[in-house]
Amino acid sequence: MTEILLPHILSLDEETQATALCWINEFISMARERMLPFAPLMLNGVLPCLSHSVQGIRIISAQVNTNLFRLVYEFTFSITDMLSSNTIDQLNVEETIKVLMRQFQDVHEETRVSALDWLIMLHKNSPKKVMSSDISMVSILLSNLNDQSEEVVKRDLELLAQISHSSDDDYFTDFMFNLLLLFCNDRKLLESRGSLIIRQLSFSLDPERMFCTFAELLEKDEDLEFASIMVQNLNAILITAPELSELRKSLKILKSPDGVSLFKTLYRSWCHNPVALLSLCLLASAYEHAADLLPIFAELEINVALLIQIDKLVQLIESPVFTYLRLQLLEPDKYPHLFKCLYGILMLLPQSSAFVTLRNRLNSVNALATLHATPGVFSQKRCV
């Protein structure tokens, strides 16, 4: 009866389609695990119906999808020890994955999101079965990052992170390499979605492991233009993203071996972009080295692109991330190289809004520092 009903799920007649879906839904409730062999065929018909123009069909399709999802999870993974291998093997995982992958071509967002939810569940509970299939899943998922739907991209990244988390170091490095390759070949994707992609991956993967792997790969990259752009993007994420607060804390503690190791790893690739390198030194409170770098900037071609990056750095110095740095300006005796570094940045800037912002910041601190450094000023005023 199921074999008779399944073709009618895709019927052009809406009443026939709704009736077939209702019957299938009842069969899932009644026959339970005996419906597992039909899962790929059911998904092939049900997932496109999730975005049907008729509300009644959308509702029953959602019910079928939910009940089938629970059935597969329960009988294939949740109570594995209670079932015989014959029951588990009733689900054709490879064929199910093929059907789910085909749904990525559907024009409707809900269908694509639901297909990814299925893949996430299947991989989470049986990664070996999913990854043993002949389908080049990772390459398809990477190409999916161009999807117009942000929800699809988030689910896609969740699955990619899940696959990487359960894999060895070689696989993780390959994944990071392929992601960089994708950004290199598609600069629009890097510009529009690069920050979202890296930040989303940071939720599920170890940010330090990610950034160190990126750094090691970019250090050897022969495309210097792309390496500079990528480092610029990574640096902006490192400084501003809330997900990377712990990584920033590690960099601020250069006295610890872990902090020093992290700084050195990032430093070698951050050299591809001068302003990003300067930002890294400021973040790590390596002010003396930052001040030593500034004379080298004078030997570079000071073009519009470089000035824009310096302008953004000034804006970042005024942001909450660098609050500790601004407070350190109140201790000129303790942090003399910080003043030298910031004045050096000021000298690189033309007379612009960024120049005025940084000059005002330094002037206000200079007045306080002078009052603090002049003995007896406050006592003399009290006497008068």
Protein backbone atom coordinates (compact mmCIF):
# COMPACT_ATOMS: atom_id res chain seq x y z
CA MET A 1 0.00 0.00 0.00
CA THR A 2 2.87 2.38 0.74
CA GLU A 3 4.38 1.74 -2.69
CA ILE A 4 1.02 2.59 -4.25
CA LEU A 5 0.62 5.80 -2.22
CA LEU A 6 4.10 7.27 -2.56
CA PRO A 7 3.85 8.32 -6.26
CA HIS A 8 0.65 10.21 -5.43
CA ILE A 9 2.50 12.50 -2.99
CA LEU A 10 3.82 14.29 -6.07
CA SER A 11 0.45 14.29 -7.84
CA LEU A 12 -0.62 17.50 -9.56
CA ASP A 13 -4.11 16.98 -8.16
CA GLU A 14 -4.09 18.66 -4.75
CA GLU A 15 -6.84 16.49 -3.25
CA THR A 16 -5.06 13.30 -4.31
CA GLN A 17 -1.81 14.67 -2.93
CA ALA A 18 -3.35 15.58 0.45
CA THR A 19 -5.05 12.19 0.73
CA ALA A 20 -1.79 10.33 0.03
CA LEU A 21 0.03 12.40 2.66
CA CYS A 22 -2.69 11.66 5.25
CA TRP A 23 -2.45 7.91 4.59
CA ILE A 24 1.36 7.97 4.78
CA ASN A 25 1.18 9.88 8.06
CA GLU A 26 -1.13 7.21 9.52
CA PHE A 27 1.15 4.42 8.28
CA ILE A 28 4.14 6.02 10.03
CA SER A 29 2.17 6.09 13.30
CA MET A 30 0.91 2.52 12.96
CA ALA A 31 3.60 0.54 11.13
CA ARG A 32 6.55 2.36 12.74
CA GLU A 33 9.91 0.69 11.88
CA ARG A 34 8.40 -1.16 8.90
CA MET A 35 8.25 2.26 7.17
CA LEU A 36 12.02 2.82 7.43
CA PRO A 37 12.86 1.26 4.02
CA PHE A 38 10.55 3.82 2.41
CA ALA A 39 12.19 6.83 4.11
CA PRO A 40 14.12 8.07 1.02
CA LEU A 41 11.02 7.90 -1.18
CA MET A 42 8.89 9.61 1.44
CA LEU A 43 11.44 12.40 1.88
CA ASN A 44 11.63 12.88 -1.86
CA GLY A 45 7.91 13.60 -1.92
CA VAL A 46 7.32 15.25 1.45
CA LEU A 47 10.14 17.85 1.62
CA PRO A 48 9.08 19.75 -1.54
CA CYS A 49 5.52 19.85 -0.15
CA LEU A 50 6.67 21.79 2.92
CA SER A 51 6.50 24.93 0.76
CA HIS A 52 3.30 24.02 -1.11
CA SER A 53 1.03 26.88 -2.12
CA VAL A 54 -1.95 25.18 -0.40
CA GLN A 55 -1.88 25.63 3.37
CA GLY A 56 -3.55 22.28 4.11
CA ILE A 57 -0.89 20.38 2.19
CA ARG A 58 1.86 22.35 3.94
CA ILE A 59 0.42 21.43 7.34
CA ILE A 60 0.06 17.69 6.68
CA SER A 61 3.51 17.64 5.00
CA ALA A 62 5.03 19.19 8.12
CA GLN A 63 3.33 16.53 10.26
CA VAL A 64 4.62 13.72 8.05
CA ASN A 65 8.13 15.19 8.09
CA THR A 66 8.13 15.57 11.89
CA ASN A 67 6.80 12.07 12.51
CA LEU A 68 9.24 10.51 10.05
CA PHE A 69 12.12 12.47 11.61
CA ARG A 70 11.23 11.14 15.05
CA LEU A 71 10.80 7.62 13.72
CA VAL A 72 14.21 7.55 12.06
CA TYR A 73 15.89 9.03 15.11
CA GLU A 74 14.19 6.67 17.53
CA PHE A 75 14.56 3.37 15.68
CA THR A 76 17.93 4.01 14.10
CA PHE A 77 19.86 5.75 16.86
CA SER A 78 18.06 6.33 20.12
CA ILE A 79 17.48 2.67 21.06
CA THR A 80 20.18 1.01 19.01
CA ASP A 81 21.12 -1.46 21.71
CA MET A 82 17.53 -2.71 21.93
CA LEU A 83 17.20 -3.40 18.23
CA SER A 84 18.66 -6.00 15.98
CA SER A 85 21.05 -4.96 13.24
CA ASN A 86 18.41 -5.96 10.69
CA THR A 87 16.06 -3.25 11.98
CA ILE A 88 18.78 -0.60 11.86
CA ASP A 89 19.87 -1.57 8.37
CA GLN A 90 16.34 -1.06 7.06
CA LEU A 91 17.21 2.60 6.60
CA ASN A 92 19.24 3.10 3.43
CA VAL A 93 21.47 5.92 4.67
CA GLU A 94 23.27 6.49 1.38
CA GLU A 95 20.06 6.74 -0.64
CA THR A 96 18.55 9.00 2.04
CA ILE A 97 21.56 11.35 1.78
CA LYS A 98 21.24 11.46 -2.02
CA VAL A 99 17.58 12.45 -1.71
CA LEU A 100 18.40 15.13 0.87
CA MET A 101 21.21 16.54 -1.26
CA ARG A 102 18.84 16.89 -4.21
CA GLN A 103 16.61 19.13 -2.10
CA PHE A 104 19.35 21.80 -2.12
CA GLN A 105 18.21 22.60 -5.65
CA ASP A 106 14.67 23.40 -4.47
CA VAL A 107 13.73 27.06 -4.86
CA HIS A 108 12.01 27.21 -1.46
CA GLU A 109 14.00 28.01 1.67
CA GLU A 110 11.95 25.81 4.00
CA THR A 111 12.68 22.69 1.95
CA ARG A 112 16.42 23.34 1.90
CA VAL A 113 16.51 24.10 5.63
CA SER A 114 14.59 20.91 6.43
CA ALA A 115 16.97 18.83 4.29
CA LEU A 116 19.92 20.22 6.26
CA ASP A 117 18.16 19.49 9.56
CA TRP A 118 17.88 15.87 8.45
CA LEU A 119 21.55 15.70 7.50
CA ILE A 120 22.60 17.25 10.82
CA MET A 121 20.58 14.65 12.71
CA LEU A 122 21.86 11.74 10.63
CA HIS A 123 25.49 12.78 10.95
CA LYS A 124 25.26 13.61 14.66
CA ASN A 125 23.98 10.14 15.45
CA SER A 126 25.83 8.07 12.86
CA PRO A 127 28.82 10.01 11.48
CA LYS A 128 30.58 6.92 10.13
CA LYS A 129 27.58 5.78 8.09
CA VAL A 130 27.02 9.26 6.70
CA MET A 131 30.65 9.95 5.80
CA SER A 132 31.19 6.46 4.37
CA SER A 133 28.81 7.24 1.49
CA ASP A 134 30.28 7.95 -1.93
CA ILE A 135 28.74 11.43 -2.04
CA SER A 136 31.21 14.34 -1.89
CA MET A 137 29.16 15.96 0.86
CA VAL A 138 31.70 18.53 2.04
CA SER A 139 32.26 20.03 -1.41
CA ILE A 140 28.49 20.33 -1.91
CA LEU A 141 28.08 21.92 1.51
CA LEU A 142 30.85 24.42 0.78
CA SER A 143 29.18 25.45 -2.47
CA ASN A 144 25.96 25.81 -0.45
CA LEU A 145 27.50 28.75 1.40
CA ASN A 146 26.46 30.90 -1.56
CA ASP A 147 22.79 30.23 -0.81
CA GLN A 148 20.65 33.37 -0.66
CA SER A 149 19.02 32.25 2.60
CA GLU A 150 20.91 33.08 5.77
CA GLU A 151 19.12 30.25 7.60
CA VAL A 152 20.35 27.75 5.02
CA VAL A 153 23.92 29.07 5.40
CA LYS A 154 23.73 28.80 9.22
CA ARG A 155 22.49 25.19 9.06
CA ASP A 156 25.10 24.42 6.42
CA LEU A 157 27.86 25.77 8.67
CA GLU A 158 26.50 23.84 11.63
CA LEU A 159 26.80 20.62 9.66
CA LEU A 160 30.28 21.49 8.36
CA ALA A 161 31.43 22.26 11.90
CA GLN A 162 29.89 19.04 13.14
CA ILE A 163 31.74 17.04 10.49
CA SER A 164 35.03 18.77 11.31
CA HIS A 165 34.57 18.35 15.05
CA SER A 166 34.24 14.58 14.71
CA SER A 167 37.17 14.26 12.29
CA ASP A 168 40.94 14.11 12.75
CA ASP A 169 43.44 16.98 12.43
CA ASP A 170 44.20 16.26 8.77
CA TYR A 171 40.54 16.52 7.86
CA PHE A 172 40.21 19.75 9.87
CA THR A 173 43.17 21.28 8.03
CA ASP A 174 41.74 20.20 4.68
CA PHE A 175 38.42 21.80 5.59
CA MET A 176 40.09 25.10 6.51
CA PHE A 177 42.13 24.95 3.29
CA ASN A 178 39.04 24.33 1.16
CA LEU A 179 37.24 27.19 2.89
CA LEU A 180 40.14 29.54 2.13
CA LEU A 181 40.18 28.28 -1.45
CA LEU A 182 36.46 29.03 -1.73
CA PHE A 183 37.03 32.57 -0.45
CA CYS A 184 39.95 33.02 -2.84
CA ASN A 185 37.90 31.94 -5.86
CA ASP A 186 34.79 33.84 -4.78
CA ARG A 187 35.75 37.25 -3.43
CA LYS A 188 32.10 38.35 -3.36
CA LEU A 189 31.33 35.55 -0.93
CA LEU A 190 34.25 36.63 1.26
CA GLU A 191 33.02 40.21 1.23
CA SER A 192 29.34 39.46 1.85
CA ARG A 193 29.43 36.32 3.99
CA GLY A 194 33.03 35.85 5.15
CA SER A 195 32.48 37.30 8.62
CA LEU A 196 29.21 35.40 9.12
CA ILE A 197 30.77 32.10 8.05
CA ILE A 198 33.81 32.37 10.32
CA ARG A 199 31.81 33.61 13.30
CA GLN A 200 29.23 30.84 12.92
CA LEU A 201 31.98 28.22 12.77
CA SER A 202 33.45 29.72 15.95
CA PHE A 203 30.31 28.69 17.84
CA SER A 204 30.92 25.00 17.21
CA LEU A 205 34.67 24.76 16.66
CA ASP A 206 37.61 25.85 18.78
CA PRO A 207 38.31 29.46 17.65
CA GLU A 208 42.00 29.23 18.55
CA ARG A 209 42.38 26.05 16.51
CA MET A 210 40.59 27.71 13.60
CA PHE A 211 42.65 30.90 13.61
CA CYS A 212 45.94 29.09 14.08
CA THR A 213 45.13 26.77 11.16
CA PHE A 214 44.12 29.74 9.00
CA ALA A 215 47.36 31.50 9.98
CA GLU A 216 49.56 28.52 9.13
CA LEU A 217 47.88 28.12 5.74
CA LEU A 218 48.02 31.84 4.88
CA GLU A 219 51.67 32.05 5.90
CA LYS A 220 52.50 29.73 2.98
CA ASP A 221 49.99 31.25 0.53
CA GLU A 222 51.67 32.45 -2.66
CA ASP A 223 48.75 34.72 -3.56
CA LEU A 224 49.92 37.68 -1.49
CA GLU A 225 46.98 39.88 -2.44
CA PHE A 226 44.44 37.34 -1.20
CA ALA A 227 46.51 36.61 1.90
CA SER A 228 46.49 40.32 2.77
CA ILE A 229 42.72 40.61 2.26
CA MET A 230 42.04 37.45 4.24
CA VAL A 231 44.25 38.54 7.13
CA GLN A 232 42.48 41.90 7.14
CA ASN A 233 39.12 40.12 7.46
CA LEU A 234 40.34 37.69 10.11
CA ASN A 235 41.83 40.54 12.11
CA ALA A 236 38.54 42.47 12.08
CA ILE A 237 36.71 39.38 13.33
CA LEU A 238 39.37 38.70 15.96
CA ILE A 239 39.06 42.20 17.41
CA THR A 240 35.31 42.75 17.22
CA ALA A 241 33.47 39.39 17.37
CA PRO A 242 31.99 38.50 20.80
CA GLU A 243 32.57 34.81 19.99
CA LEU A 244 36.33 35.40 20.11
CA SER A 245 36.52 37.13 23.50
CA GLU A 246 38.44 34.22 25.03
CA LEU A 247 40.94 34.28 22.18
CA ARG A 248 41.49 38.00 22.77
CA LYS A 249 42.06 37.32 26.47
CA SER A 250 44.73 34.74 25.58
CA LEU A 251 46.55 37.28 23.41
CA LYS A 252 46.53 39.89 26.16
CA ILE A 253 48.50 37.56 28.45
CA LEU A 254 51.80 37.35 26.57
CA LYS A 255 53.60 36.27 29.72
CA SER A 256 51.99 32.83 29.49
CA PRO A 257 53.51 30.23 27.12
CA ASP A 258 50.14 29.67 25.42
CA GLY A 259 49.67 33.38 24.80
CA VAL A 260 53.17 33.73 23.35
CA SER A 261 52.68 30.70 21.10
CA LEU A 262 49.36 32.04 19.82
CA PHE A 263 50.84 35.48 19.17
CA LYS A 264 53.78 34.04 17.23
CA THR A 265 51.52 31.83 15.10
CA LEU A 266 49.25 34.71 14.15
CA TYR A 267 52.12 37.18 13.77
CA ARG A 268 53.80 35.27 10.93
CA SER A 269 50.72 35.39 8.70
CA TRP A 270 49.50 38.80 9.94
CA CYS A 271 52.67 40.19 8.36
CA HIS A 272 50.80 39.98 5.05
CA ASN A 273 48.85 43.06 6.14
CA PRO A 274 50.69 45.93 7.92
CA VAL A 275 47.67 47.50 9.65
CA ALA A 276 46.39 44.10 10.82
CA LEU A 277 49.85 43.39 12.24
CA LEU A 278 49.83 46.70 14.08
CA SER A 279 46.36 45.91 15.44
CA LEU A 280 47.58 42.52 16.67
CA CYS A 281 50.46 44.17 18.52
CA LEU A 282 48.10 46.68 20.15
CA LEU A 283 45.73 43.89 21.14
CA ALA A 284 48.60 41.95 22.71
CA SER A 285 49.98 45.09 24.41
CA ALA A 286 53.25 44.67 22.50
CA TYR A 287 53.58 48.46 22.30
CA GLU A 288 57.35 48.66 21.97
CA HIS A 289 57.32 46.37 18.96
CA ALA A 290 54.35 48.25 17.48
CA ALA A 291 56.29 51.51 17.78
CA ASP A 292 59.28 49.89 16.07
CA LEU A 293 57.06 48.82 13.17
CA LEU A 294 55.78 52.33 12.39
CA PRO A 295 58.99 53.64 10.71
CA ILE A 296 58.68 50.71 8.28
CA PHE A 297 55.22 52.02 7.31
CA ALA A 298 56.89 55.11 5.88
CA GLU A 299 58.68 52.88 3.36
CA LEU A 300 55.37 51.46 2.13
CA GLU A 301 53.17 52.99 -0.51
CA ILE A 302 50.69 55.04 1.52
CA ASN A 303 47.68 54.62 -0.76
CA VAL A 304 43.97 55.13 -0.18
CA ALA A 305 43.40 51.49 0.79
CA LEU A 306 46.07 51.64 3.50
CA LEU A 307 44.72 54.94 4.85
CA ILE A 308 41.22 53.48 5.04
CA GLN A 309 42.56 50.57 7.09
CA ILE A 310 44.38 52.97 9.45
CA ASP A 311 41.17 55.00 9.75
CA LYS A 312 39.31 51.83 10.80
CA LEU A 313 42.06 51.04 13.30
CA VAL A 314 41.52 54.44 14.93
CA GLN A 315 37.80 53.69 15.16
CA LEU A 316 38.63 50.34 16.80
CA ILE A 317 40.88 52.07 19.34
CA GLU A 318 37.82 54.10 20.32
CA SER A 319 35.71 50.93 20.67
CA PRO A 320 34.99 48.98 23.90
CA VAL A 321 37.49 46.29 22.90
CA PHE A 322 40.39 48.69 23.49
CA THR A 323 39.08 50.25 26.72
CA TYR A 324 42.05 48.80 28.60
CA LEU A 325 44.42 50.46 26.13
CA ARG A 326 42.81 53.89 26.62
CA LEU A 327 43.06 53.50 30.40
CA GLN A 328 46.74 52.62 30.05
CA LEU A 329 47.23 56.08 28.54
CA LEU A 330 46.75 57.42 32.08
CA GLU A 331 50.02 55.72 33.05
CA PRO A 332 52.59 57.22 30.65
CA ASP A 333 55.51 56.21 32.87
CA LYS A 334 54.42 52.57 32.72
CA TYR A 335 53.47 52.51 29.03
CA PRO A 336 55.74 55.05 27.26
CA HIS A 337 55.81 53.09 24.00
CA LEU A 338 52.02 53.23 23.76
CA PHE A 339 52.19 57.01 23.42
CA LYS A 340 54.93 56.75 20.83
CA CYS A 341 52.90 54.20 18.86
CA LEU A 342 49.69 56.24 18.85
CA TYR A 343 51.54 59.43 17.92
CA GLY A 344 53.18 57.48 15.11
CA ILE A 345 49.76 56.47 13.79
CA LEU A 346 48.70 60.11 14.06
CA MET A 347 51.67 61.16 11.92
CA LEU A 348 50.73 58.64 9.22
CA LEU A 349 47.21 60.02 8.91
CA PRO A 350 46.30 63.02 6.77
CA GLN A 351 44.15 65.78 8.31
CA SER A 352 40.94 63.78 8.46
CA SER A 353 38.20 62.84 10.92
CA ALA A 354 40.32 59.93 12.14
CA PHE A 355 43.24 62.32 12.67
CA VAL A 356 41.04 64.67 14.73
CA THR A 357 39.63 61.76 16.78
CA LEU A 358 43.03 60.36 17.69
CA ARG A 359 44.54 63.81 18.29
CA ASN A 360 41.72 64.76 20.65
CA ARG A 361 42.16 61.52 22.55
CA LEU A 362 45.91 62.08 22.97
CA ASN A 363 45.49 65.77 23.84
CA SER A 364 42.98 65.01 26.59
CA VAL A 365 45.28 62.42 28.09
CA ASN A 366 48.29 64.70 27.82
CA ALA A 367 46.50 67.34 29.90
CA LEU A 368 45.68 64.78 32.60
CA ALA A 369 49.19 63.34 32.51
CA THR A 370 50.69 66.83 32.91
CA LEU A 371 48.52 67.58 35.94
CA HIS A 372 49.36 64.20 37.41
CA ALA A 373 53.08 64.66 36.79
CA THR A 374 53.31 68.23 38.21
CA PRO A 375 53.87 68.02 41.98
CA GLY A 376 51.94 70.40 44.24
CA VAL A 377 49.50 71.66 41.60
CA PHE A 378 46.39 70.72 43.51
CA SER A 379 47.83 71.72 46.89
CA GLN A 380 48.80 75.18 45.52
CA LYS A 381 45.27 75.71 44.26
CA ARG A 382 43.87 74.85 47.67
CA CYS A 383 46.25 77.36 49.33
CA VAL A 384 45.15 80.13 46.95
